[in-house]
Amino acid sequence: MFPGGLNPRQMKQMMKQMGIKTEEIDATAVVIIGPEKETVIENPEVVKMTVSGKDMFTISGGTVKVQEVEAEVEISEEDVEMVSEQAGVGKDKAKKTLEECKGDIAEAIMRLKG
């Protein structure tokens, strides 16, 4: 039962009169990707509501799993050249070390020199 004694059918009729459209979406998982975390909701109940031309989604239930995500590091050619020159190694080795150091130039140079 909904607040105010409304049953689900009455609630749908009222929402329709207000111009709110609802649609249940059959989903097996919802994935939310953030800069540092990825949230996966398995077997959710998803409802799409359209209000004034804007879509809103309500996700409920399901099993939630949160995973850390490693951001991909872009390594520029200038960084590779700098590490190569400073450490006295070839560009391939400099690039590989920069990738291992997640783009940290100082750490890459220290590793190659040490």
PDB file of N, CA and C in Angstrom:
ATOM      1  N   MET A   1       0.842  -1.185   0.000  1.00  0.00           N
ATOM      2  CA  MET A   1       0.000   0.000   0.000  1.00  0.00           C
ATOM      3  C   MET A   1       0.881   1.239   0.000  1.00  0.00           C
ATOM      4  N   PHE A   2       0.544   2.225  -0.791  1.00  0.00           N
ATOM      5  CA  PHE A   2       1.291   3.473  -0.886  1.00  0.00           C
ATOM      6  C   PHE A   2       0.806   4.457   0.171  1.00  0.00           C
ATOM      7  N   PRO A   3       1.584   5.502   0.461  1.00  0.00           N
ATOM      8  CA  PRO A   3       1.164   6.514   1.431  1.00  0.00           C
ATOM      9  C   PRO A   3      -0.182   7.125   1.038  1.00  0.00           C
ATOM     10  N   GLY A   4      -0.982   7.463   2.035  1.00  0.00           N
ATOM     11  CA  GLY A   4      -2.277   8.081   1.760  1.00  0.00           C
ATOM     12  C   GLY A   4      -3.339   7.070   1.374  1.00  0.00           C
ATOM     13  N   GLY A   5      -3.049   5.775   1.503  1.00  0.00           N
ATOM     14  CA  GLY A   5      -4.035   4.750   1.214  1.00  0.00           C
ATOM     15  C   GLY A   5      -4.218   4.471  -0.266  1.00  0.00           C
ATOM     16  N   LEU A   6      -3.319   4.945  -1.128  1.00  0.00           N
ATOM     17  CA  LEU A   6      -3.438   4.688  -2.566  1.00  0.00           C
ATOM     18  C   LEU A   6      -2.940   3.285  -2.885  1.00  0.00           C
ATOM     19  N   ASN A   7      -3.642   2.643  -3.792  1.00  0.00           N
ATOM     20  CA  ASN A   7      -3.132   1.361  -4.252  1.00  0.00           C
ATOM     21  C   ASN A   7      -2.277   1.609  -5.500  1.00  0.00           C
ATOM     22  N   PRO A   8      -1.476   0.645  -5.916  1.00  0.00           N
ATOM     23  CA  PRO A   8      -0.587   0.851  -7.060  1.00  0.00           C
ATOM     24  C   PRO A   8      -1.297   1.316  -8.330  1.00  0.00           C
ATOM     25  N   ARG A   9      -2.503   0.808  -8.575  1.00  0.00           N
ATOM     26  CA  ARG A   9      -3.255   1.200  -9.770  1.00  0.00           C
ATOM     27  C   ARG A   9      -3.623   2.689  -9.720  1.00  0.00           C
ATOM     28  N   GLN A  10      -4.107   3.146  -8.547  1.00  0.00           N
ATOM     29  CA  GLN A  10      -4.444   4.566  -8.392  1.00  0.00           C
ATOM     30  C   GLN A  10      -3.198   5.443  -8.558  1.00  0.00           C
ATOM     31  N   MET A  11      -2.077   4.969  -8.020  1.00  0.00           N
ATOM     32  CA  MET A  11      -0.833   5.723  -8.124  1.00  0.00           C
ATOM     33  C   MET A  11      -0.423   5.883  -9.585  1.00  0.00           C
ATOM     34  N   LYS A  12      -0.531   4.799 -10.370  1.00  0.00           N
ATOM     35  CA  LYS A  12      -0.197   4.867 -11.795  1.00  0.00           C
ATOM     36  C   LYS A  12      -1.103   5.846 -12.530  1.00  0.00           C
ATOM     37  N   GLN A  13      -2.392   5.826 -12.215  1.00  0.00           N
ATOM     38  CA  GLN A  13      -3.328   6.745 -12.858  1.00  0.00           C
ATOM     39  C   GLN A  13      -2.976   8.191 -12.538  1.00  0.00           C
ATOM     40  N   MET A  14      -2.653   8.470 -11.275  1.00  0.00           N
ATOM     41  CA  MET A  14      -2.282   9.834 -10.880  1.00  0.00           C
ATOM     42  C   MET A  14      -1.012  10.284 -11.589  1.00  0.00           C
ATOM     43  N   MET A  15      -0.035   9.397 -11.679  1.00  0.00           N
ATOM     44  CA  MET A  15       1.221   9.742 -12.350  1.00  0.00           C
ATOM     45  C   MET A  15       0.970  10.013 -13.830  1.00  0.00           C
ATOM     46  N   LYS A  16       0.095   9.224 -14.446  1.00  0.00           N
ATOM     47  CA  LYS A  16      -0.233   9.426 -15.857  1.00  0.00           C
ATOM     48  C   LYS A  16      -0.902  10.786 -16.059  1.00  0.00           C
ATOM     49  N   GLN A  17      -1.796  11.166 -15.149  1.00  0.00           N
ATOM     50  CA  GLN A  17      -2.467  12.467 -15.233  1.00  0.00           C
ATOM     51  C   GLN A  17      -1.470  13.617 -15.089  1.00  0.00           C
ATOM     52  N   MET A  18      -0.411  13.406 -14.318  1.00  0.00           N
ATOM     53  CA  MET A  18       0.604  14.443 -14.129  1.00  0.00           C
ATOM     54  C   MET A  18       1.649  14.438 -15.244  1.00  0.00           C
ATOM     55  N   GLY A  19       1.491  13.548 -16.213  1.00  0.00           N
ATOM     56  CA  GLY A  19       2.429  13.499 -17.334  1.00  0.00           C
ATOM     57  C   GLY A  19       3.688  12.709 -17.042  1.00  0.00           C
ATOM     58  N   ILE A  20       3.651  11.874 -16.017  1.00  0.00           N
ATOM     59  CA  ILE A  20       4.798  11.048 -15.658  1.00  0.00           C
ATOM     60  C   ILE A  20       4.596   9.666 -16.251  1.00  0.00           C
ATOM     61  N   LYS A  21       5.539   9.253 -17.095  1.00  0.00           N
ATOM     62  CA  LYS A  21       5.471   7.925 -17.704  1.00  0.00           C
ATOM     63  C   LYS A  21       6.468   7.016 -16.995  1.00  0.00           C
ATOM     64  N   THR A  22       6.053   5.799 -16.718  1.00  0.00           N
ATOM     65  CA  THR A  22       6.956   4.832 -16.104  1.00  0.00           C
ATOM     66  C   THR A  22       7.074   3.602 -16.981  1.00  0.00           C
ATOM     67  N   GLU A  23       8.234   2.993 -16.897  1.00  0.00           N
ATOM     68  CA  GLU A  23       8.488   1.789 -17.684  1.00  0.00           C
ATOM     69  C   GLU A  23       9.452   0.915 -16.896  1.00  0.00           C
ATOM     70  N   GLU A  24       9.090  -0.338 -16.685  1.00  0.00           N
ATOM     71  CA  GLU A  24       9.994  -1.277 -16.030  1.00  0.00           C
ATOM     72  C   GLU A  24      10.972  -1.786 -17.069  1.00  0.00           C
ATOM     73  N   ILE A  25      12.251  -1.817 -16.692  1.00  0.00           N
ATOM     74  CA  ILE A  25      13.299  -2.268 -17.604  1.00  0.00           C
ATOM     75  C   ILE A  25      13.826  -3.605 -17.108  1.00  0.00           C
ATOM     76  N   ASP A  26      13.819  -4.596 -17.998  1.00  0.00           N
ATOM     77  CA  ASP A  26      14.326  -5.921 -17.669  1.00  0.00           C
ATOM     78  C   ASP A  26      15.850  -5.866 -17.758  1.00  0.00           C
ATOM     79  N   ALA A  27      16.529  -5.902 -16.616  1.00  0.00           N
ATOM     80  CA  ALA A  27      17.987  -5.801 -16.597  1.00  0.00           C
ATOM     81  C   ALA A  27      18.579  -6.938 -15.764  1.00  0.00           C
ATOM     82  N   THR A  28      19.716  -7.450 -16.210  1.00  0.00           N
ATOM     83  CA  THR A  28      20.421  -8.462 -15.440  1.00  0.00           C
ATOM     84  C   THR A  28      21.497  -7.838 -14.558  1.00  0.00           C
ATOM     85  N   ALA A  29      21.967  -6.635 -14.941  1.00  0.00           N
ATOM     86  CA  ALA A  29      22.968  -5.923 -14.138  1.00  0.00           C
ATOM     87  C   ALA A  29      22.972  -4.455 -14.515  1.00  0.00           C
ATOM     88  N   VAL A  30      23.349  -3.612 -13.550  1.00  0.00           N
ATOM     89  CA  VAL A  30      23.558  -2.189 -13.784  1.00  0.00           C
ATOM     90  C   VAL A  30      24.991  -1.897 -13.360  1.00  0.00           C
ATOM     91  N   VAL A  31      25.754  -1.214 -14.220  1.00  0.00           N
ATOM     92  CA  VAL A  31      27.147  -0.896 -13.920  1.00  0.00           C
ATOM     93  C   VAL A  31      27.295   0.618 -13.843  1.00  0.00           C
ATOM     94  N   ILE A  32      27.842   1.089 -12.721  1.00  0.00           N
ATOM     95  CA  ILE A  32      28.112   2.512 -12.533  1.00  0.00           C
ATOM     96  C   ILE A  32      29.627   2.654 -12.493  1.00  0.00           C
ATOM     97  N   ILE A  33      30.176   3.379 -13.474  1.00  0.00           N
ATOM     98  CA  ILE A  33      31.625   3.512 -13.584  1.00  0.00           C
ATOM     99  C   ILE A  33      32.039   4.900 -13.112  1.00  0.00           C
ATOM    100  N   GLY A  34      32.861   4.934 -12.090  1.00  0.00           N
ATOM    101  CA  GLY A  34      33.391   6.178 -11.564  1.00  0.00           C
ATOM    102  C   GLY A  34      34.881   6.247 -11.829  1.00  0.00           C
ATOM    103  N   PRO A  35      35.511   7.357 -11.448  1.00  0.00           N
ATOM    104  CA  PRO A  35      36.944   7.503 -11.722  1.00  0.00           C
ATOM    105  C   PRO A  35      37.818   6.513 -10.944  1.00  0.00           C
ATOM    106  N   GLU A  36      37.364   6.075  -9.770  1.00  0.00           N
ATOM    107  CA  GLU A  36      38.174   5.177  -8.951  1.00  0.00           C
ATOM    108  C   GLU A  36      37.483   3.863  -8.613  1.00  0.00           C
ATOM    109  N   LYS A  37      36.149   3.818  -8.761  1.00  0.00           N
ATOM    110  CA  LYS A  37      35.396   2.618  -8.394  1.00  0.00           C
ATOM    111  C   LYS A  37      34.400   2.254  -9.473  1.00  0.00           C
ATOM    112  N   GLU A  38      34.091   0.978  -9.550  1.00  0.00           N
ATOM    113  CA  GLU A  38      33.069   0.470 -10.449  1.00  0.00           C
ATOM    114  C   GLU A  38      32.068  -0.288  -9.580  1.00  0.00           C
ATOM    115  N   THR A  39      30.807   0.122  -9.638  1.00  0.00           N
ATOM    116  CA  THR A  39      29.759  -0.517  -8.853  1.00  0.00           C
ATOM    117  C   THR A  39      28.880  -1.342  -9.783  1.00  0.00           C
ATOM    118  N   VAL A  40      28.726  -2.614  -9.462  1.00  0.00           N
ATOM    119  CA  VAL A  40      27.904  -3.515 -10.269  1.00  0.00           C
ATOM    120  C   VAL A  40      26.740  -3.989  -9.399  1.00  0.00           C
ATOM    121  N   ILE A  41      25.524  -3.762  -9.887  1.00  0.00           N
ATOM    122  CA  ILE A  41      24.326  -4.212  -9.190  1.00  0.00           C
ATOM    123  C   ILE A  41      23.721  -5.332 -10.035  1.00  0.00           C
ATOM    124  N   GLU A  42      23.773  -6.556  -9.495  1.00  0.00           N
ATOM    125  CA  GLU A  42      23.271  -7.710 -10.238  1.00  0.00           C
ATOM    126  C   GLU A  42      21.826  -7.996  -9.860  1.00  0.00           C
ATOM    127  N   ASN A  43      21.037  -8.412 -10.823  1.00  0.00           N
ATOM    128  CA  ASN A  43      19.615  -8.728 -10.655  1.00  0.00           C
ATOM    129  C   ASN A  43      18.822  -7.578 -10.028  1.00  0.00           C
ATOM    130  N   PRO A  44      18.949  -6.367 -10.575  1.00  0.00           N
ATOM    131  CA  PRO A  44      18.239  -5.226 -10.003  1.00  0.00           C
ATOM    132  C   PRO A  44      16.812  -5.120 -10.531  1.00  0.00           C
ATOM    133  N   GLU A  45      16.031  -4.300  -9.851  1.00  0.00           N
ATOM    134  CA  GLU A  45      14.730  -3.878 -10.362  1.00  0.00           C
ATOM    135  C   GLU A  45      14.941  -2.450 -10.841  1.00  0.00           C
ATOM    136  N   VAL A  46      14.716  -2.204 -12.125  1.00  0.00           N
ATOM    137  CA  VAL A  46      14.972  -0.894 -12.704  1.00  0.00           C
ATOM    138  C   VAL A  46      13.670  -0.318 -13.258  1.00  0.00           C
ATOM    139  N   VAL A  47      13.372   0.925 -12.853  1.00  0.00           N
ATOM    140  CA  VAL A  47      12.193   1.623 -13.358  1.00  0.00           C
ATOM    141  C   VAL A  47      12.652   2.937 -13.968  1.00  0.00           C
ATOM    142  N   LYS A  48      12.223   3.168 -15.199  1.00  0.00           N
ATOM    143  CA  LYS A  48      12.530   4.418 -15.892  1.00  0.00           C
ATOM    144  C   LYS A  48      11.297   5.312 -15.806  1.00  0.00           C
ATOM    145  N   MET A  49      11.495   6.543 -15.319  1.00  0.00           N
ATOM    146  CA  MET A  49      10.401   7.518 -15.252  1.00  0.00           C
ATOM    147  C   MET A  49      10.766   8.687 -16.154  1.00  0.00           C
ATOM    148  N   THR A  50       9.804   9.117 -16.956  1.00  0.00           N
ATOM    149  CA  THR A  50      10.001  10.276 -17.809  1.00  0.00           C
ATOM    150  C   THR A  50       9.114  11.390 -17.286  1.00  0.00           C
ATOM    151  N   VAL A  51       9.758  12.469 -16.843  1.00  0.00           N
ATOM    152  CA  VAL A  51       9.055  13.617 -16.281  1.00  0.00           C
ATOM    153  C   VAL A  51       9.543  14.854 -17.012  1.00  0.00           C
ATOM    154  N   SER A  52       8.635  15.595 -17.617  1.00  0.00           N
ATOM    155  CA  SER A  52       8.971  16.819 -18.357  1.00  0.00           C
ATOM    156  C   SER A  52      10.087  16.590 -19.368  1.00  0.00           C
ATOM    157  N   GLY A  53      10.058  15.448 -20.033  1.00  0.00           N
ATOM    158  CA  GLY A  53      11.034  15.157 -21.070  1.00  0.00           C
ATOM    159  C   GLY A  53      12.381  14.668 -20.554  1.00  0.00           C
ATOM    160  N   LYS A  54      12.538  14.532 -19.246  1.00  0.00           N
ATOM    161  CA  LYS A  54      13.797  14.048 -18.683  1.00  0.00           C
ATOM    162  C   LYS A  54      13.604  12.642 -18.125  1.00  0.00           C
ATOM    163  N   ASP A  55      14.599  11.798 -18.379  1.00  0.00           N
ATOM    164  CA  ASP A  55      14.535  10.415 -17.907  1.00  0.00           C
ATOM    165  C   ASP A  55      15.220  10.287 -16.552  1.00  0.00           C
ATOM    166  N   MET A  56      14.563   9.559 -15.656  1.00  0.00           N
ATOM    167  CA  MET A  56      15.133   9.250 -14.341  1.00  0.00           C
ATOM    168  C   MET A  56      15.036   7.750 -14.158  1.00  0.00           C
ATOM    169  N   PHE A  57      16.043   7.180 -13.522  1.00  0.00           N
ATOM    170  CA  PHE A  57      16.063   5.747 -13.313  1.00  0.00           C
ATOM    171  C   PHE A  57      16.121   5.451 -11.823  1.00  0.00           C
ATOM    172  N   THR A  58      15.303   4.505 -11.392  1.00  0.00           N
ATOM    173  CA  THR A  58      15.323   4.047 -10.015  1.00  0.00           C
ATOM    174  C   THR A  58      15.810   2.605 -10.029  1.00  0.00           C
ATOM    175  N   ILE A  59      16.868   2.353  -9.259  1.00  0.00           N
ATOM    176  CA  ILE A  59      17.456   1.023  -9.200  1.00  0.00           C
ATOM    177  C   ILE A  59      17.304   0.528  -7.773  1.00  0.00           C
ATOM    178  N   SER A  60      16.727  -0.649  -7.611  1.00  0.00           N
ATOM    179  CA  SER A  60      16.568  -1.185  -6.262  1.00  0.00           C
ATOM    180  C   SER A  60      16.830  -2.677  -6.261  1.00  0.00           C
ATOM    181  N   GLY A  61      17.086  -3.194  -5.060  1.00  0.00           N
ATOM    182  CA  GLY A  61      17.320  -4.626  -4.914  1.00  0.00           C
ATOM    183  C   GLY A  61      18.626  -5.061  -5.522  1.00  0.00           C
ATOM    184  N   GLY A  62      18.776  -6.327  -5.645  1.00  0.00           N
ATOM    185  CA  GLY A  62      19.969  -6.876  -6.274  1.00  0.00           C
ATOM    186  C   GLY A  62      21.151  -6.986  -5.335  1.00  0.00           C
ATOM    187  N   THR A  63      22.207  -7.568  -5.857  1.00  0.00           N
ATOM    188  CA  THR A  63      23.458  -7.743  -5.132  1.00  0.00           C
ATOM    189  C   THR A  63      24.441  -6.690  -5.608  1.00  0.00           C
ATOM    190  N   VAL A  64      25.046  -5.966  -4.661  1.00  0.00           N
ATOM    191  CA  VAL A  64      25.961  -4.876  -5.006  1.00  0.00           C
ATOM    192  C   VAL A  64      27.403  -5.321  -4.802  1.00  0.00           C
ATOM    193  N   LYS A  65      28.225  -5.092  -5.823  1.00  0.00           N
ATOM    194  CA  LYS A  65      29.660  -5.373  -5.748  1.00  0.00           C
ATOM    195  C   LYS A  65      30.408  -4.099  -6.147  1.00  0.00           C
ATOM    196  N   VAL A  66      31.374  -3.697  -5.327  1.00  0.00           N
ATOM    197  CA  VAL A  66      32.177  -2.515  -5.618  1.00  0.00           C
ATOM    198  C   VAL A  66      33.610  -2.967  -5.868  1.00  0.00           C
ATOM    199  N   GLN A  67      34.187  -2.481  -6.981  1.00  0.00           N
ATOM    200  CA  GLN A  67      35.554  -2.856  -7.340  1.00  0.00           C
ATOM    201  C   GLN A  67      36.376  -1.605  -7.580  1.00  0.00           C
ATOM    202  N   GLU A  68      37.630  -1.645  -7.160  1.00  0.00           N
ATOM    203  CA  GLU A  68      38.549  -0.550  -7.448  1.00  0.00           C
ATOM    204  C   GLU A  68      38.917  -0.620  -8.931  1.00  0.00           C
ATOM    205  N   VAL A  69      39.065   0.527  -9.559  1.00  0.00           N
ATOM    206  CA  VAL A  69      39.415   0.591 -10.974  1.00  0.00           C
ATOM    207  C   VAL A  69      40.718   1.359 -11.113  1.00  0.00           C
ATOM    208  N   GLU A  70      41.651   0.765 -11.829  1.00  0.00           N
ATOM    209  CA  GLU A  70      42.901   1.471 -12.094  1.00  0.00           C
ATOM    210  C   GLU A  70      42.718   2.343 -13.325  1.00  0.00           C
ATOM    211  N   ALA A  71      43.008   3.625 -13.153  1.00  0.00           N
ATOM    212  CA  ALA A  71      42.883   4.546 -14.271  1.00  0.00           C
ATOM    213  C   ALA A  71      44.028   4.311 -15.250  1.00  0.00           C
ATOM    214  N   GLU A  72      43.712   4.352 -16.522  1.00  0.00           N
ATOM    215  CA  GLU A  72      44.751   4.219 -17.534  1.00  0.00           C
ATOM    216  C   GLU A  72      45.557   5.497 -17.591  1.00  0.00           C
ATOM    217  N   VAL A  73      46.866   5.344 -17.643  1.00  0.00           N
ATOM    218  CA  VAL A  73      47.751   6.504 -17.675  1.00  0.00           C
ATOM    219  C   VAL A  73      48.233   6.704 -19.103  1.00  0.00           C
ATOM    220  N   GLU A  74      48.072   7.928 -19.588  1.00  0.00           N
ATOM    221  CA  GLU A  74      48.586   8.243 -20.917  1.00  0.00           C
ATOM    222  C   GLU A  74      49.992   8.795 -20.767  1.00  0.00           C
ATOM    223  N   ILE A  75      50.910   8.210 -21.508  1.00  0.00           N
ATOM    224  CA  ILE A  75      52.301   8.618 -21.421  1.00  0.00           C
ATOM    225  C   ILE A  75      52.665   9.309 -22.727  1.00  0.00           C
ATOM    226  N   SER A  76      53.081  10.567 -22.594  1.00  0.00           N
ATOM    227  CA  SER A  76      53.404  11.345 -23.787  1.00  0.00           C
ATOM    228  C   SER A  76      54.807  11.012 -24.287  1.00  0.00           C
ATOM    229  N   GLU A  77      55.043  11.332 -25.534  1.00  0.00           N
ATOM    230  CA  GLU A  77      56.350  11.099 -26.146  1.00  0.00           C
ATOM    231  C   GLU A  77      57.421  11.956 -25.463  1.00  0.00           C
ATOM    232  N   GLU A  78      57.021  13.161 -25.024  1.00  0.00           N
ATOM    233  CA  GLU A  78      57.974  14.036 -24.325  1.00  0.00           C
ATOM    234  C   GLU A  78      58.438  13.408 -23.017  1.00  0.00           C
ATOM    235  N   ASP A  79      57.499  12.762 -22.281  1.00  0.00           N
ATOM    236  CA  ASP A  79      57.855  12.096 -21.027  1.00  0.00           C
ATOM    237  C   ASP A  79      58.834  10.950 -21.291  1.00  0.00           C
ATOM    238  N   VAL A  80      58.565  10.195 -22.352  1.00  0.00           N
ATOM    239  CA  VAL A  80      59.439   9.076 -22.704  1.00  0.00           C
ATOM    240  C   VAL A  80      60.841   9.596 -23.034  1.00  0.00           C
ATOM    241  N   GLU A  81      60.912  10.667 -23.811  1.00  0.00           N
ATOM    242  CA  GLU A  81      62.210  11.238 -24.189  1.00  0.00           C
ATOM    243  C   GLU A  81      62.965  11.740 -22.968  1.00  0.00           C
ATOM    244  N   MET A  82      62.255  12.416 -22.048  1.00  0.00           N
ATOM    245  CA  MET A  82      62.903  12.947 -20.854  1.00  0.00           C
ATOM    246  C   MET A  82      63.481  11.824 -19.998  1.00  0.00           C
ATOM    247  N   VAL A  83      62.700  10.770 -19.759  1.00  0.00           N
ATOM    248  CA  VAL A  83      63.172   9.644 -18.955  1.00  0.00           C
ATOM    249  C   VAL A  83      64.330   8.949 -19.660  1.00  0.00           C
ATOM    250  N   SER A  84      64.230   8.788 -20.965  1.00  0.00           N
ATOM    251  CA  SER A  84      65.275   8.142 -21.748  1.00  0.00           C
ATOM    252  C   SER A  84      66.592   8.908 -21.622  1.00  0.00           C
ATOM    253  N   GLU A  85      66.530  10.231 -21.778  1.00  0.00           N
ATOM    254  CA  GLU A  85      67.740  11.060 -21.690  1.00  0.00           C
ATOM    255  C   GLU A  85      68.311  11.087 -20.279  1.00  0.00           C
ATOM    256  N   GLN A  86      67.451  11.291 -19.286  1.00  0.00           N
ATOM    257  CA  GLN A  86      67.908  11.415 -17.900  1.00  0.00           C
ATOM    258  C   GLN A  86      68.502  10.105 -17.365  1.00  0.00           C
ATOM    259  N   ALA A  87      67.911   8.985 -17.760  1.00  0.00           N
ATOM    260  CA  ALA A  87      68.369   7.696 -17.232  1.00  0.00           C
ATOM    261  C   ALA A  87      69.397   7.032 -18.136  1.00  0.00           C
ATOM    262  N   GLY A  88      69.575   7.576 -19.346  1.00  0.00           N
ATOM    263  CA  GLY A  88      70.552   7.004 -20.272  1.00  0.00           C
ATOM    264  C   GLY A  88      70.149   5.636 -20.793  1.00  0.00           C
ATOM    265  N   VAL A  89      68.849   5.474 -21.087  1.00  0.00           N
ATOM    266  CA  VAL A  89      68.354   4.202 -21.629  1.00  0.00           C
ATOM    267  C   VAL A  89      67.583   4.465 -22.919  1.00  0.00           C
ATOM    268  N   GLY A  90      67.257   3.406 -23.622  1.00  0.00           N
ATOM    269  CA  GLY A  90      66.482   3.525 -24.853  1.00  0.00           C
ATOM    270  C   GLY A  90      65.027   3.909 -24.569  1.00  0.00           C
ATOM    271  N   LYS A  91      64.359   4.390 -25.611  1.00  0.00           N
ATOM    272  CA  LYS A  91      62.973   4.856 -25.459  1.00  0.00           C
ATOM    273  C   LYS A  91      62.014   3.724 -25.077  1.00  0.00           C
ATOM    274  N   ASP A  92      62.252   2.531 -25.616  1.00  0.00           N
ATOM    275  CA  ASP A  92      61.364   1.405 -25.287  1.00  0.00           C
ATOM    276  C   ASP A  92      61.418   1.077 -23.802  1.00  0.00           C
ATOM    277  N   LYS A  93      62.643   1.039 -23.265  1.00  0.00           N
ATOM    278  CA  LYS A  93      62.803   0.737 -21.843  1.00  0.00           C
ATOM    279  C   LYS A  93      62.232   1.865 -20.987  1.00  0.00           C
ATOM    280  N   ALA A  94      62.430   3.108 -21.421  1.00  0.00           N
ATOM    281  CA  ALA A  94      61.897   4.261 -20.692  1.00  0.00           C
ATOM    282  C   ALA A  94      60.373   4.214 -20.657  1.00  0.00           C
ATOM    283  N   LYS A  95      59.748   3.900 -21.785  1.00  0.00           N
ATOM    284  CA  LYS A  95      58.289   3.838 -21.856  1.00  0.00           C
ATOM    285  C   LYS A  95      57.749   2.719 -20.974  1.00  0.00           C
ATOM    286  N   LYS A  96      58.392   1.554 -21.028  1.00  0.00           N
ATOM    287  CA  LYS A  96      57.949   0.418 -20.214  1.00  0.00           C
ATOM    288  C   LYS A  96      58.027   0.761 -18.729  1.00  0.00           C
ATOM    289  N   THR A  97      59.106   1.397 -18.320  1.00  0.00           N
ATOM    290  CA  THR A  97      59.270   1.771 -16.913  1.00  0.00           C
ATOM    291  C   THR A  97      58.255   2.833 -16.517  1.00  0.00           C
ATOM    292  N   LEU A  98      57.980   3.788 -17.390  1.00  0.00           N
ATOM    293  CA  LEU A  98      56.947   4.795 -17.108  1.00  0.00           C
ATOM    294  C   LEU A  98      55.590   4.133 -16.914  1.00  0.00           C
ATOM    295  N   GLU A  99      55.270   3.148 -17.716  1.00  0.00           N
ATOM    296  CA  GLU A  99      54.006   2.426 -17.576  1.00  0.00           C
ATOM    297  C   GLU A  99      53.941   1.705 -16.238  1.00  0.00           C
ATOM    298  N   GLU A 100      55.058   1.083 -15.840  1.00  0.00           N
ATOM    299  CA  GLU A 100      55.113   0.385 -14.554  1.00  0.00           C
ATOM    300  C   GLU A 100      54.957   1.364 -13.389  1.00  0.00           C
ATOM    301  N   CYS A 101      55.441   2.594 -13.584  1.00  0.00           N
ATOM    302  CA  CYS A 101      55.387   3.629 -12.536  1.00  0.00           C
ATOM    303  C   CYS A 101      54.132   4.490 -12.659  1.00  0.00           C
ATOM    304  N   LYS A 102      53.198   4.073 -13.500  1.00  0.00           N
ATOM    305  CA  LYS A 102      51.932   4.780 -13.709  1.00  0.00           C
ATOM    306  C   LYS A 102      52.137   6.250 -14.088  1.00  0.00           C
ATOM    307  N   GLY A 103      53.157   6.487 -14.919  1.00  0.00           N
ATOM    308  CA  GLY A 103      53.393   7.829 -15.452  1.00  0.00           C
ATOM    309  C   GLY A 103      54.233   8.729 -14.573  1.00  0.00           C
ATOM    310  N   ASP A 104      54.698   8.232 -13.423  1.00  0.00           N
ATOM    311  CA  ASP A 104      55.507   9.048 -12.510  1.00  0.00           C
ATOM    312  C   ASP A 104      56.928   9.138 -13.060  1.00  0.00           C
ATOM    313  N   ILE A 105      57.285  10.304 -13.594  1.00  0.00           N
ATOM    314  CA  ILE A 105      58.573  10.503 -14.265  1.00  0.00           C
ATOM    315  C   ILE A 105      59.737  10.322 -13.296  1.00  0.00           C
ATOM    316  N   ALA A 106      59.639  10.950 -12.130  1.00  0.00           N
ATOM    317  CA  ALA A 106      60.734  10.877 -11.153  1.00  0.00           C
ATOM    318  C   ALA A 106      60.986   9.439 -10.714  1.00  0.00           C
ATOM    319  N   GLU A 107      59.916   8.701 -10.442  1.00  0.00           N
ATOM    320  CA  GLU A 107      60.071   7.306 -10.010  1.00  0.00           C
ATOM    321  C   GLU A 107      60.694   6.461 -11.115  1.00  0.00           C
ATOM    322  N   ALA A 108      60.287   6.719 -12.358  1.00  0.00           N
ATOM    323  CA  ALA A 108      60.842   5.951 -13.484  1.00  0.00           C
ATOM    324  C   ALA A 108      62.337   6.201 -13.626  1.00  0.00           C
ATOM    325  N   ILE A 109      62.747   7.448 -13.516  1.00  0.00           N
ATOM    326  CA  ILE A 109      64.183   7.787 -13.624  1.00  0.00           C
ATOM    327  C   ILE A 109      64.959   7.133 -12.491  1.00  0.00           C
ATOM    328  N   MET A 110      64.412   7.209 -11.268  1.00  0.00           N
ATOM    329  CA  MET A 110      65.096   6.619 -10.104  1.00  0.00           C
ATOM    330  C   MET A 110      65.264   5.102 -10.284  1.00  0.00           C
ATOM    331  N   ARG A 111      64.220   4.438 -10.779  1.00  0.00           N
ATOM    332  CA  ARG A 111      64.313   2.984 -10.996  1.00  0.00           C
ATOM    333  C   ARG A 111      65.373   2.640 -12.003  1.00  0.00           C
ATOM    334  N   LEU A 112      65.396   3.403 -13.085  1.00  0.00           N
ATOM    335  CA  LEU A 112      66.347   3.107 -14.158  1.00  0.00           C
ATOM    336  C   LEU A 112      67.782   3.434 -13.766  1.00  0.00           C
ATOM    337  N   LYS A 113      67.980   4.432 -12.945  1.00  0.00           N
ATOM    338  CA  LYS A 113      69.322   4.789 -12.508  1.00  0.00           C
ATOM    339  C   LYS A 113      69.805   3.916 -11.368  1.00  0.00           C
ATOM    340  N   GLY A 114      68.871   3.436 -10.570  1.00  0.00           N
ATOM    341  CA  GLY A 114      69.220   2.682  -9.364  1.00  0.00           C
ATOM    342  C   GLY A 114      69.463   1.265  -9.674  1.00  0.00           C
TER     343      GLY A 114
END
